[in-house]
Amino acid sequence: CETDLVDTRIAYLILGEVNRATQIRGWHWNTESDVTL
């Protein structure tokens, strides 16, 4: 953005952090079995 809203950028950084930390725990909706690697 032309307007550098630092607080908003930090808010989105935290959002990405919490999103990843939550999903890493492993839930029914993001875990798949018998995946062939």
Full PDB file with SEQRES, HELIX, SHEET, SSBOND, CRYST1, ORIGX, SCALE, CONECT and MASTER records, all heavy atoms in Angstrom:
SEQRES   1 A   37  CYS GLU THR ASP LEU VAL ASP THR ARG ILE ALA TYR LEU          
SEQRES   2 A   37  ILE LEU GLY GLU VAL ASN ARG ALA THR GLN ILE ARG GLY          
SEQRES   3 A   37  TRP HIS TRP ASN THR GLU SER ASP VAL THR LEU                  
HELIX    1 AA1 VAL A    6  ILE A   24  1                                  19    
HELIX    2 AA2 HIS A   28  ASN A   30  5                                   3    
CRYST1    1.000    1.000    1.000  90.00  90.00  90.00 P 1           1          
ORIGX1      1.000000  0.000000  0.000000        0.00000                         
ORIGX2      0.000000  1.000000  0.000000        0.00000                         
ORIGX3      0.000000  0.000000  1.000000        0.00000                         
SCALE1      1.000000  0.000000  0.000000        0.00000                         
SCALE2      0.000000  1.000000  0.000000        0.00000                         
SCALE3      0.000000  0.000000  1.000000        0.00000                         
ATOM      1  N   CYS A   1       0.820  -1.192   0.000  1.00  0.00           N  
ATOM      2  CA  CYS A   1       0.000   0.000   0.000  1.00  0.00           C  
ATOM      3  C   CYS A   1       0.859   1.248   0.000  1.00  0.00           C  
ATOM      4  O   CYS A   1       1.976   1.241   0.498  1.00  0.00           O  
ATOM      5  CB  CYS A   1      -0.914   0.038   1.231  1.00  0.00           C  
ATOM      6  SG  CYS A   1      -1.925  -1.434   1.413  1.00  0.00           S  
ATOM      7  N   GLU A   2       0.292   2.315  -0.545  1.00  0.00           N  
ATOM      8  CA  GLU A   2       0.984   3.596  -0.504  1.00  0.00           C  
ATOM      9  C   GLU A   2       1.057   4.093   0.938  1.00  0.00           C  
ATOM     10  O   GLU A   2       2.030   4.693   1.369  1.00  0.00           O  
ATOM     11  CB  GLU A   2       0.254   4.616  -1.385  1.00  0.00           C  
ATOM     12  CG  GLU A   2       0.292   4.257  -2.871  1.00  0.00           C  
ATOM     13  CD  GLU A   2      -0.487   5.245  -3.707  1.00  0.00           C  
ATOM     14  OE1 GLU A   2      -1.029   6.207  -3.132  1.00  0.00           O  
ATOM     15  OE2 GLU A   2      -0.562   5.060  -4.932  1.00  0.00           O  
ATOM     16  N   THR A   3       0.022   3.839   1.716  1.00  0.00           N  
ATOM     17  CA  THR A   3      -0.002   4.203   3.124  1.00  0.00           C  
ATOM     18  C   THR A   3       0.489   3.024   3.942  1.00  0.00           C  
ATOM     19  O   THR A   3      -0.117   1.966   3.957  1.00  0.00           O  
ATOM     20  CB  THR A   3      -1.428   4.576   3.581  1.00  0.00           C  
ATOM     21  OG1 THR A   3      -1.910   5.621   2.752  1.00  0.00           O  
ATOM     22  CG2 THR A   3      -1.427   5.021   5.024  1.00  0.00           C  
ATOM     23  N   ASP A   4       1.614   3.230   4.612  1.00  0.00           N  
ATOM     24  CA  ASP A   4       2.228   2.126   5.364  1.00  0.00           C  
ATOM     25  C   ASP A   4       1.617   2.059   6.750  1.00  0.00           C  
ATOM     26  O   ASP A   4       2.036   2.746   7.671  1.00  0.00           O  
ATOM     27  CB  ASP A   4       3.738   2.344   5.441  1.00  0.00           C  
ATOM     28  CG  ASP A   4       4.443   1.152   6.077  1.00  0.00           C  
ATOM     29  OD1 ASP A   4       3.817   0.091   6.179  1.00  0.00           O  
ATOM     30  OD2 ASP A   4       5.604   1.300   6.472  1.00  0.00           O  
ATOM     31  N   LEU A   5       0.598   1.245   6.904  1.00  0.00           N  
ATOM     32  CA  LEU A   5      -0.056   1.087   8.194  1.00  0.00           C  
ATOM     33  C   LEU A   5       0.640  -0.032   8.954  1.00  0.00           C  
ATOM     34  O   LEU A   5       0.324  -1.209   8.806  1.00  0.00           O  
ATOM     35  CB  LEU A   5      -1.541   0.777   8.001  1.00  0.00           C  
ATOM     36  CG  LEU A   5      -2.325   1.837   7.225  1.00  0.00           C  
ATOM     37  CD1 LEU A   5      -3.773   1.431   7.090  1.00  0.00           C  
ATOM     38  CD2 LEU A   5      -2.223   3.190   7.910  1.00  0.00           C  
ATOM     39  N   VAL A   6       1.634   0.361   9.766  1.00  0.00           N  
ATOM     40  CA  VAL A   6       2.469  -0.616  10.447  1.00  0.00           C  
ATOM     41  C   VAL A   6       1.668  -1.522  11.358  1.00  0.00           C  
ATOM     42  O   VAL A   6       1.867  -2.731  11.395  1.00  0.00           O  
ATOM     43  CB  VAL A   6       3.578   0.103  11.254  1.00  0.00           C  
ATOM     44  CG1 VAL A   6       4.417  -0.912  12.035  1.00  0.00           C  
ATOM     45  CG2 VAL A   6       4.457   0.911  10.326  1.00  0.00           C  
ATOM     46  N   ASP A   7       0.731  -0.954  12.113  1.00  0.00           N  
ATOM     47  CA  ASP A   7      -0.057  -1.764  13.034  1.00  0.00           C  
ATOM     48  C   ASP A   7      -0.828  -2.847  12.305  1.00  0.00           C  
ATOM     49  O   ASP A   7      -0.948  -3.973  12.782  1.00  0.00           O  
ATOM     50  CB  ASP A   7      -1.033  -0.876  13.816  1.00  0.00           C  
ATOM     51  CG  ASP A   7      -0.337  -0.086  14.917  1.00  0.00           C  
ATOM     52  OD1 ASP A   7       0.872  -0.327  15.129  1.00  0.00           O  
ATOM     53  OD2 ASP A   7      -0.984   0.752  15.547  1.00  0.00           O  
ATOM     54  N   THR A   8      -1.359  -2.479  11.138  1.00  0.00           N  
ATOM     55  CA  THR A   8      -2.128  -3.455  10.376  1.00  0.00           C  
ATOM     56  C   THR A   8      -1.231  -4.559   9.848  1.00  0.00           C  
ATOM     57  O   THR A   8      -1.607  -5.738   9.841  1.00  0.00           O  
ATOM     58  CB  THR A   8      -2.855  -2.763   9.214  1.00  0.00           C  
ATOM     59  OG1 THR A   8      -3.615  -1.680   9.727  1.00  0.00           O  
ATOM     60  CG2 THR A   8      -3.785  -3.738   8.507  1.00  0.00           C  
ATOM     61  N   ARG A   9      -0.032  -4.201   9.431  1.00  0.00           N  
ATOM     62  CA  ARG A   9       0.914  -5.209   8.955  1.00  0.00           C  
ATOM     63  C   ARG A   9       1.279  -6.168  10.092  1.00  0.00           C  
ATOM     64  O   ARG A   9       1.362  -7.378   9.887  1.00  0.00           O  
ATOM     65  CB  ARG A   9       2.160  -4.522   8.395  1.00  0.00           C  
ATOM     66  CG  ARG A   9       1.923  -3.764   7.104  1.00  0.00           C  
ATOM     67  CD  ARG A   9       3.075  -2.836   6.768  1.00  0.00           C  
ATOM     68  NE  ARG A   9       4.315  -3.561   6.546  1.00  0.00           N  
ATOM     69  CZ  ARG A   9       4.688  -4.068   5.370  1.00  0.00           C  
ATOM     70  NH1 ARG A   9       3.892  -3.943   4.309  1.00  0.00           N  
ATOM     71  NH2 ARG A   9       5.828  -4.696   5.230  1.00  0.00           N  
ATOM     72  N   ILE A  10       1.478  -5.631  11.275  1.00  0.00           N  
ATOM     73  CA  ILE A  10       1.784  -6.479  12.431  1.00  0.00           C  
ATOM     74  C   ILE A  10       0.596  -7.375  12.762  1.00  0.00           C  
ATOM     75  O   ILE A  10       0.761  -8.552  13.103  1.00  0.00           O  
ATOM     76  CB  ILE A  10       2.175  -5.612  13.642  1.00  0.00           C  
ATOM     77  CG1 ILE A  10       3.493  -4.895  13.362  1.00  0.00           C  
ATOM     78  CG2 ILE A  10       2.292  -6.466  14.902  1.00  0.00           C  
ATOM     79  CD1 ILE A  10       3.900  -3.919  14.437  1.00  0.00           C  
ATOM     80  N   ALA A  11      -0.612  -6.826  12.653  1.00  0.00           N  
ATOM     81  CA  ALA A  11      -1.813  -7.625  12.915  1.00  0.00           C  
ATOM     82  C   ALA A  11      -1.892  -8.809  11.971  1.00  0.00           C  
ATOM     83  O   ALA A  11      -2.239  -9.926  12.381  1.00  0.00           O  
ATOM     84  CB  ALA A  11      -3.059  -6.748  12.777  1.00  0.00           C  
ATOM     85  N   TYR A  12      -1.546  -8.597  10.705  1.00  0.00           N  
ATOM     86  CA  TYR A  12      -1.593  -9.697   9.748  1.00  0.00           C  
ATOM     87  C   TYR A  12      -0.458 -10.684   9.958  1.00  0.00           C  
ATOM     88  O   TYR A  12      -0.602 -11.885   9.699  1.00  0.00           O  
ATOM     89  CB  TYR A  12      -1.607  -9.152   8.321  1.00  0.00           C  
ATOM     90  CG  TYR A  12      -3.014  -8.884   7.851  1.00  0.00           C  
ATOM     91  CD1 TYR A  12      -3.628  -7.665   8.095  1.00  0.00           C  
ATOM     92  CD2 TYR A  12      -3.753  -9.873   7.218  1.00  0.00           C  
ATOM     93  CE1 TYR A  12      -4.927  -7.427   7.711  1.00  0.00           C  
ATOM     94  CE2 TYR A  12      -5.053  -9.650   6.827  1.00  0.00           C  
ATOM     95  CZ  TYR A  12      -5.638  -8.426   7.076  1.00  0.00           C  
ATOM     96  OH  TYR A  12      -6.937  -8.203   6.706  1.00  0.00           O  
ATOM     97  N   LEU A  13       0.682 -10.205  10.444  1.00  0.00           N  
ATOM     98  CA  LEU A  13       1.772 -11.107  10.794  1.00  0.00           C  
ATOM     99  C   LEU A  13       1.346 -12.033  11.919  1.00  0.00           C  
ATOM    100  O   LEU A  13       1.578 -13.248  11.877  1.00  0.00           O  
ATOM    101  CB  LEU A  13       3.005 -10.308  11.216  1.00  0.00           C  
ATOM    102  CG  LEU A  13       4.211 -11.123  11.693  1.00  0.00           C  
ATOM    103  CD1 LEU A  13       4.712 -12.042  10.587  1.00  0.00           C  
ATOM    104  CD2 LEU A  13       5.325 -10.203  12.162  1.00  0.00           C  
ATOM    105  N   ILE A  14       0.702 -11.468  12.931  1.00  0.00           N  
ATOM    106  CA  ILE A  14       0.208 -12.271  14.052  1.00  0.00           C  
ATOM    107  C   ILE A  14      -0.871 -13.239  13.583  1.00  0.00           C  
ATOM    108  O   ILE A  14      -0.925 -14.393  14.014  1.00  0.00           O  
ATOM    109  CB  ILE A  14      -0.317 -11.359  15.178  1.00  0.00           C  
ATOM    110  CG1 ILE A  14       0.848 -10.571  15.791  1.00  0.00           C  
ATOM    111  CG2 ILE A  14      -1.033 -12.169  16.255  1.00  0.00           C  
ATOM    112  CD1 ILE A  14       0.422  -9.545  16.819  1.00  0.00           C  
ATOM    113  N   LEU A  15      -1.745 -12.774  12.677  1.00  0.00           N  
ATOM    114  CA  LEU A  15      -2.781 -13.653  12.130  1.00  0.00           C  
ATOM    115  C   LEU A  15      -2.162 -14.866  11.441  1.00  0.00           C  
ATOM    116  O   LEU A  15      -2.598 -16.009  11.649  1.00  0.00           O  
ATOM    117  CB  LEU A  15      -3.643 -12.884  11.131  1.00  0.00           C  
ATOM    118  CG  LEU A  15      -4.721 -13.695  10.411  1.00  0.00           C  
ATOM    119  CD1 LEU A  15      -5.769 -14.182  11.396  1.00  0.00           C  
ATOM    120  CD2 LEU A  15      -5.375 -12.871   9.315  1.00  0.00           C  
ATOM    121  N   GLY A  16      -1.113 -14.639  10.641  1.00  0.00           N  
ATOM    122  CA  GLY A  16      -0.439 -15.754   9.976  1.00  0.00           C  
ATOM    123  C   GLY A  16       0.211 -16.694  10.972  1.00  0.00           C  
ATOM    124  O   GLY A  16       0.185 -17.921  10.813  1.00  0.00           O  
ATOM    125  N   GLU A  17       0.787 -16.138  12.019  1.00  0.00           N  
ATOM    126  CA  GLU A  17       1.432 -16.928  13.070  1.00  0.00           C  
ATOM    127  C   GLU A  17       0.421 -17.824  13.784  1.00  0.00           C  
ATOM    128  O   GLU A  17       0.662 -19.024  13.990  1.00  0.00           O  
ATOM    129  CB  GLU A  17       2.104 -15.970  14.052  1.00  0.00           C  
ATOM    130  CG  GLU A  17       2.655 -16.607  15.302  1.00  0.00           C  
ATOM    131  CD  GLU A  17       3.089 -15.574  16.327  1.00  0.00           C  
ATOM    132  OE1 GLU A  17       3.569 -14.492  15.920  1.00  0.00           O  
ATOM    133  OE2 GLU A  17       2.934 -15.827  17.536  1.00  0.00           O  
ATOM    134  N   VAL A  18      -0.716 -17.234  14.189  1.00  0.00           N  
ATOM    135  CA  VAL A  18      -1.734 -17.999  14.912  1.00  0.00           C  
ATOM    136  C   VAL A  18      -2.382 -19.030  13.994  1.00  0.00           C  
ATOM    137  O   VAL A  18      -2.670 -20.163  14.415  1.00  0.00           O  
ATOM    138  CB  VAL A  18      -2.798 -17.051  15.499  1.00  0.00           C  
ATOM    139  CG1 VAL A  18      -3.946 -17.844  16.126  1.00  0.00           C  
ATOM    140  CG2 VAL A  18      -2.175 -16.136  16.534  1.00  0.00           C  
ATOM    141  N   ASN A  19      -2.605 -18.658  12.745  1.00  0.00           N  
ATOM    142  CA  ASN A  19      -3.177 -19.583  11.769  1.00  0.00           C  
ATOM    143  C   ASN A  19      -2.310 -20.829  11.647  1.00  0.00           C  
ATOM    144  O   ASN A  19      -2.790 -21.969  11.727  1.00  0.00           O  
ATOM    145  CB  ASN A  19      -3.308 -18.882  10.419  1.00  0.00           C  
ATOM    146  CG  ASN A  19      -3.937 -19.772   9.351  1.00  0.00           C  
ATOM    147  OD1 ASN A  19      -4.735 -20.644   9.642  1.00  0.00           O  
ATOM    148  ND2 ASN A  19      -3.548 -19.549   8.108  1.00  0.00           N  
ATOM    149  N   ARG A  20      -1.006 -20.622  11.486  1.00  0.00           N  
ATOM    150  CA  ARG A  20      -0.082 -21.747  11.334  1.00  0.00           C  
ATOM    151  C   ARG A  20      -0.005 -22.578  12.611  1.00  0.00           C  
ATOM    152  O   ARG A  20      -0.060 -23.806  12.571  1.00  0.00           O  
ATOM    153  CB  ARG A  20       1.298 -21.226  10.948  1.00  0.00           C  
ATOM    154  CG  ARG A  20       2.297 -22.332  10.608  1.00  0.00           C  
ATOM    155  CD  ARG A  20       3.643 -21.766  10.191  1.00  0.00           C  
ATOM    156  NE  ARG A  20       4.538 -22.823   9.763  1.00  0.00           N  
ATOM    157  CZ  ARG A  20       4.616 -23.301   8.527  1.00  0.00           C  
ATOM    158  NH1 ARG A  20       3.851 -22.775   7.586  1.00  0.00           N  
ATOM    159  NH2 ARG A  20       5.441 -24.274   8.215  1.00  0.00           N  
ATOM    160  N   ALA A  21       0.119 -21.890  13.767  1.00  0.00           N  
ATOM    161  CA  ALA A  21       0.231 -22.602  15.039  1.00  0.00           C  
ATOM    162  C   ALA A  21      -1.006 -23.455  15.316  1.00  0.00           C  
ATOM    163  O   ALA A  21      -0.910 -24.564  15.847  1.00  0.00           O  
ATOM    164  CB  ALA A  21       0.458 -21.608  16.174  1.00  0.00           C  
ATOM    165  N   THR A  22      -2.173 -22.937  14.946  1.00  0.00           N  
ATOM    166  CA  THR A  22      -3.418 -23.673  15.164  1.00  0.00           C  
ATOM    167  C   THR A  22      -3.485 -24.893  14.257  1.00  0.00           C  
ATOM    168  O   THR A  22      -3.826 -26.003  14.706  1.00  0.00           O  
ATOM    169  CB  THR A  22      -4.631 -22.768  14.895  1.00  0.00           C  
ATOM    170  OG1 THR A  22      -4.586 -21.639  15.777  1.00  0.00           O  
ATOM    171  CG2 THR A  22      -5.941 -23.522  15.118  1.00  0.00           C  
ATOM    172  N   GLN A  23      -3.132 -24.729  12.990  1.00  0.00           N  
ATOM    173  CA  GLN A  23      -3.258 -25.836  12.046  1.00  0.00           C  
ATOM    174  C   GLN A  23      -2.216 -26.923  12.274  1.00  0.00           C  
ATOM    175  O   GLN A  23      -2.478 -28.106  12.012  1.00  0.00           O  
ATOM    176  CB  GLN A  23      -3.178 -25.310  10.616  1.00  0.00           C  
ATOM    177  CG  GLN A  23      -4.340 -24.425  10.217  1.00  0.00           C  
ATOM    178  CD  GLN A  23      -4.496 -24.337   8.712  1.00  0.00           C  
ATOM    179  OE1 GLN A  23      -4.481 -25.354   8.016  1.00  0.00           O  
ATOM    180  NE2 GLN A  23      -4.642 -23.129   8.193  1.00  0.00           N  
ATOM    181  N   ILE A  24      -1.035 -26.556  12.755  1.00  0.00           N  
ATOM    182  CA  ILE A  24       0.023 -27.539  12.993  1.00  0.00           C  
ATOM    183  C   ILE A  24      -0.413 -28.597  14.007  1.00  0.00           C  
ATOM    184  O   ILE A  24       0.062 -29.739  13.970  1.00  0.00           O  
ATOM    185  CB  ILE A  24       1.314 -26.827  13.464  1.00  0.00           C  
ATOM    186  CG1 ILE A  24       2.023 -26.191  12.269  1.00  0.00           C  
ATOM    187  CG2 ILE A  24       2.258 -27.783  14.173  1.00  0.00           C  
ATOM    188  CD1 ILE A  24       3.260 -25.401  12.644  1.00  0.00           C  
ATOM    189  N   ARG A  25      -1.339 -28.244  14.881  1.00  0.00           N  
ATOM    190  CA  ARG A  25      -1.809 -29.204  15.880  1.00  0.00           C  
ATOM    191  C   ARG A  25      -2.443 -30.426  15.238  1.00  0.00           C  
ATOM    192  O   ARG A  25      -2.424 -31.516  15.811  1.00  0.00           O  
ATOM    193  CB  ARG A  25      -2.824 -28.533  16.810  1.00  0.00           C  
ATOM    194  CG  ARG A  25      -2.223 -27.410  17.635  1.00  0.00           C  
ATOM    195  CD  ARG A  25      -3.277 -26.654  18.412  1.00  0.00           C  
ATOM    196  NE  ARG A  25      -3.998 -27.495  19.361  1.00  0.00           N  
ATOM    197  CZ  ARG A  25      -4.926 -27.046  20.184  1.00  0.00           C  
ATOM    198  NH1 ARG A  25      -5.252 -25.760  20.173  1.00  0.00           N  
ATOM    199  NH2 ARG A  25      -5.536 -27.856  21.017  1.00  0.00           N  
ATOM    200  N   GLY A  26      -2.991 -30.248  14.036  1.00  0.00           N  
ATOM    201  CA  GLY A  26      -3.608 -31.361  13.331  1.00  0.00           C  
ATOM    202  C   GLY A  26      -5.055 -31.560  13.736  1.00  0.00           C  
ATOM    203  O   GLY A  26      -5.349 -31.855  14.905  1.00  0.00           O  
ATOM    204  N   TRP A  27      -5.964 -31.348  12.784  1.00  0.00           N  
ATOM    205  CA  TRP A  27      -7.394 -31.490  13.020  1.00  0.00           C  
ATOM    206  C   TRP A  27      -7.983 -32.412  11.956  1.00  0.00           C  
ATOM    207  O   TRP A  27      -7.323 -32.727  10.960  1.00  0.00           O  
ATOM    208  CB  TRP A  27      -8.078 -30.123  12.967  1.00  0.00           C  
ATOM    209  CG  TRP A  27      -7.498 -29.118  13.908  1.00  0.00           C  
ATOM    210  CD1 TRP A  27      -6.397 -28.330  13.687  1.00  0.00           C  
ATOM    211  CD2 TRP A  27      -7.946 -28.798  15.229  1.00  0.00           C  
ATOM    212  NE1 TRP A  27      -6.146 -27.538  14.780  1.00  0.00           N  
ATOM    213  CE2 TRP A  27      -7.084 -27.799  15.737  1.00  0.00           C  
ATOM    214  CE3 TRP A  27      -9.011 -29.242  16.012  1.00  0.00           C  
ATOM    215  CZ2 TRP A  27      -7.243 -27.244  17.008  1.00  0.00           C  
ATOM    216  CZ3 TRP A  27      -9.175 -28.689  17.276  1.00  0.00           C  
ATOM    217  CH2 TRP A  27      -8.301 -27.709  17.761  1.00  0.00           C  
ATOM    218  N   HIS A  28      -9.210 -32.813  12.187  1.00  0.00           N  
ATOM    219  CA  HIS A  28      -9.876 -33.696  11.229  1.00  0.00           C  
ATOM    220  C   HIS A  28      -9.928 -33.068   9.841  1.00  0.00           C  
ATOM    221  O   HIS A  28      -9.793 -33.757   8.835  1.00  0.00           O  
ATOM    222  CB  HIS A  28     -11.296 -34.002  11.731  1.00  0.00           C  
ATOM    223  CG  HIS A  28     -12.064 -34.934  10.858  1.00  0.00           C  
ATOM    224  ND1 HIS A  28     -11.675 -36.229  10.623  1.00  0.00           N  
ATOM    225  CD2 HIS A  28     -13.220 -34.757  10.153  1.00  0.00           C  
ATOM    226  CE1 HIS A  28     -12.543 -36.820   9.822  1.00  0.00           C  
ATOM    227  NE2 HIS A  28     -13.475 -35.955   9.519  1.00  0.00           N  
ATOM    228  N   TRP A  29     -10.080 -31.750   9.793  1.00  0.00           N  
ATOM    229  CA  TRP A  29     -10.260 -31.051   8.526  1.00  0.00           C  
ATOM    230  C   TRP A  29      -8.967 -30.734   7.785  1.00  0.00           C  
ATOM    231  O   TRP A  29      -9.004 -30.297   6.637  1.00  0.00           O  
ATOM    232  CB  TRP A  29     -11.063 -29.761   8.726  1.00  0.00           C  
ATOM    233  CG  TRP A  29     -10.752 -29.001   9.977  1.00  0.00           C  
ATOM    234  CD1 TRP A  29     -11.404 -29.086  11.174  1.00  0.00           C  
ATOM    235  CD2 TRP A  29      -9.699 -28.044  10.174  1.00  0.00           C  
ATOM    236  NE1 TRP A  29     -10.838 -28.244  12.102  1.00  0.00           N  
ATOM    237  CE2 TRP A  29      -9.788 -27.592  11.516  1.00  0.00           C  
ATOM    238  CE3 TRP A  29      -8.709 -27.520   9.345  1.00  0.00           C  
ATOM    239  CZ2 TRP A  29      -8.911 -26.647  12.050  1.00  0.00           C  
ATOM    240  CZ3 TRP A  29      -7.838 -26.582   9.869  1.00  0.00           C  
ATOM    241  CH2 TRP A  29      -7.947 -26.160  11.201  1.00  0.00           C  
ATOM    242  N   ASN A  30      -7.812 -30.945   8.417  1.00  0.00           N  
ATOM    243  CA  ASN A  30      -6.564 -30.723   7.668  1.00  0.00           C  
ATOM    244  C   ASN A  30      -5.611 -31.908   7.754  1.00  0.00           C  
ATOM    245  O   ASN A  30      -4.423 -31.781   7.479  1.00  0.00           O  
ATOM    246  CB  ASN A  30      -5.859 -29.433   8.124  1.00  0.00           C  
ATOM    247  CG  ASN A  30      -5.232 -29.546   9.504  1.00  0.00           C  
ATOM    248  OD1 ASN A  30      -5.643 -30.355  10.343  1.00  0.00           O  
ATOM    249  ND2 ASN A  30      -4.229 -28.717   9.745  1.00  0.00           N  
ATOM    250  N   THR A  31      -6.167 -33.061   8.151  1.00  0.00           N  
ATOM    251  CA  THR A  31      -5.368 -34.288   8.246  1.00  0.00           C  
ATOM    252  C   THR A  31      -5.918 -35.340   7.301  1.00  0.00           C  
ATOM    253  O   THR A  31      -7.124 -35.583   7.274  1.00  0.00           O  
ATOM    254  CB  THR A  31      -5.378 -34.832   9.688  1.00  0.00           C  
ATOM    255  OG1 THR A  31      -4.904 -33.831  10.583  1.00  0.00           O  
ATOM    256  CG2 THR A  31      -4.502 -36.070   9.800  1.00  0.00           C  
ATOM    257  N   GLU A  32      -5.046 -35.946   6.517  1.00  0.00           N  
ATOM    258  CA  GLU A  32      -5.452 -36.989   5.575  1.00  0.00           C  
ATOM    259  C   GLU A  32      -4.619 -38.241   5.802  1.00  0.00           C  
ATOM    260  O   GLU A  32      -3.410 -38.160   6.025  1.00  0.00           O  
ATOM    261  CB  GLU A  32      -5.302 -36.506   4.128  1.00  0.00           C  
ATOM    262  CG  GLU A  32      -6.204 -35.329   3.791  1.00  0.00           C  
ATOM    263  CD  GLU A  32      -6.136 -34.941   2.326  1.00  0.00           C  
ATOM    264  OE1 GLU A  32      -5.581 -35.734   1.529  1.00  0.00           O  
ATOM    265  OE2 GLU A  32      -6.629 -33.858   1.986  1.00  0.00           O  
ATOM    266  N   SER A  33      -5.297 -39.386   5.737  1.00  0.00           N  
ATOM    267  CA  SER A  33      -4.632 -40.676   5.943  1.00  0.00           C  
ATOM    268  C   SER A  33      -4.303 -41.339   4.615  1.00  0.00           C  
ATOM    269  O   SER A  33      -4.877 -41.017   3.576  1.00  0.00           O  
ATOM    270  CB  SER A  33      -5.530 -41.602   6.772  1.00  0.00           C  
ATOM    271  OG  SER A  33      -5.833 -41.022   8.021  1.00  0.00           O  
ATOM    272  N   ASP A  34      -3.360 -42.273   4.664  1.00  0.00           N  
ATOM    273  CA  ASP A  34      -2.959 -43.058   3.492  1.00  0.00           C  
ATOM    274  C   ASP A  34      -2.552 -42.183   2.312  1.00  0.00           C  
ATOM    275  O   ASP A  34      -2.900 -42.466   1.161  1.00  0.00           O  
ATOM    276  CB  ASP A  34      -4.081 -44.015   3.082  1.00  0.00           C  
ATOM    277  CG  ASP A  34      -4.220 -45.189   4.033  1.00  0.00           C  
ATOM    278  OD1 ASP A  34      -3.200 -45.582   4.628  1.00  0.00           O  
ATOM    279  OD2 ASP A  34      -5.341 -45.704   4.188  1.00  0.00           O  
ATOM    280  N   VAL A  35      -1.822 -41.122   2.596  1.00  0.00           N  
ATOM    281  CA  VAL A  35      -1.277 -40.280   1.531  1.00  0.00           C  
ATOM    282  C   VAL A  35       0.013 -40.934   1.035  1.00  0.00           C  
ATOM    283  O   VAL A  35       0.905 -41.243   1.825  1.00  0.00           O  
ATOM    284  CB  VAL A  35      -0.973 -38.854   2.042  1.00  0.00           C  
ATOM    285  CG1 VAL A  35      -0.326 -38.021   0.936  1.00  0.00           C  
ATOM    286  CG2 VAL A  35      -2.255 -38.197   2.516  1.00  0.00           C  
ATOM    287  N   THR A  36       0.097 -41.169  -0.256  1.00  0.00           N  
ATOM    288  CA  THR A  36       1.277 -41.800  -0.826  1.00  0.00           C  
ATOM    289  C   THR A  36       2.351 -40.754  -1.111  1.00  0.00           C  
ATOM    290  O   THR A  36       2.130 -39.815  -1.886  1.00  0.00           O  
ATOM    291  CB  THR A  36       0.933 -42.543  -2.126  1.00  0.00           C  
ATOM    292  OG1 THR A  36      -0.047 -43.549  -1.846  1.00  0.00           O  
ATOM    293  CG2 THR A  36       2.167 -43.200  -2.722  1.00  0.00           C  
ATOM    294  N   LEU A  37       3.494 -40.936  -0.488  1.00  0.00           N  
ATOM    295  CA  LEU A  37       4.641 -40.043  -0.686  1.00  0.00           C  
ATOM    296  C   LEU A  37       5.676 -40.809  -1.508  1.00  0.00           C  
ATOM    297  O   LEU A  37       6.242 -41.803  -1.041  1.00  0.00           O  
ATOM    298  CB  LEU A  37       5.220 -39.611   0.663  1.00  0.00           C  
ATOM    299  CG  LEU A  37       4.221 -38.937   1.619  1.00  0.00           C  
ATOM    300  CD1 LEU A  37       4.860 -38.693   2.978  1.00  0.00           C  
ATOM    301  CD2 LEU A  37       3.703 -37.636   1.020  1.00  0.00           C  
TER     302      LEU A  37                                                      
MASTER        0    0    0    2    0    0    0    6  301    1    0    3          
END                                                                             
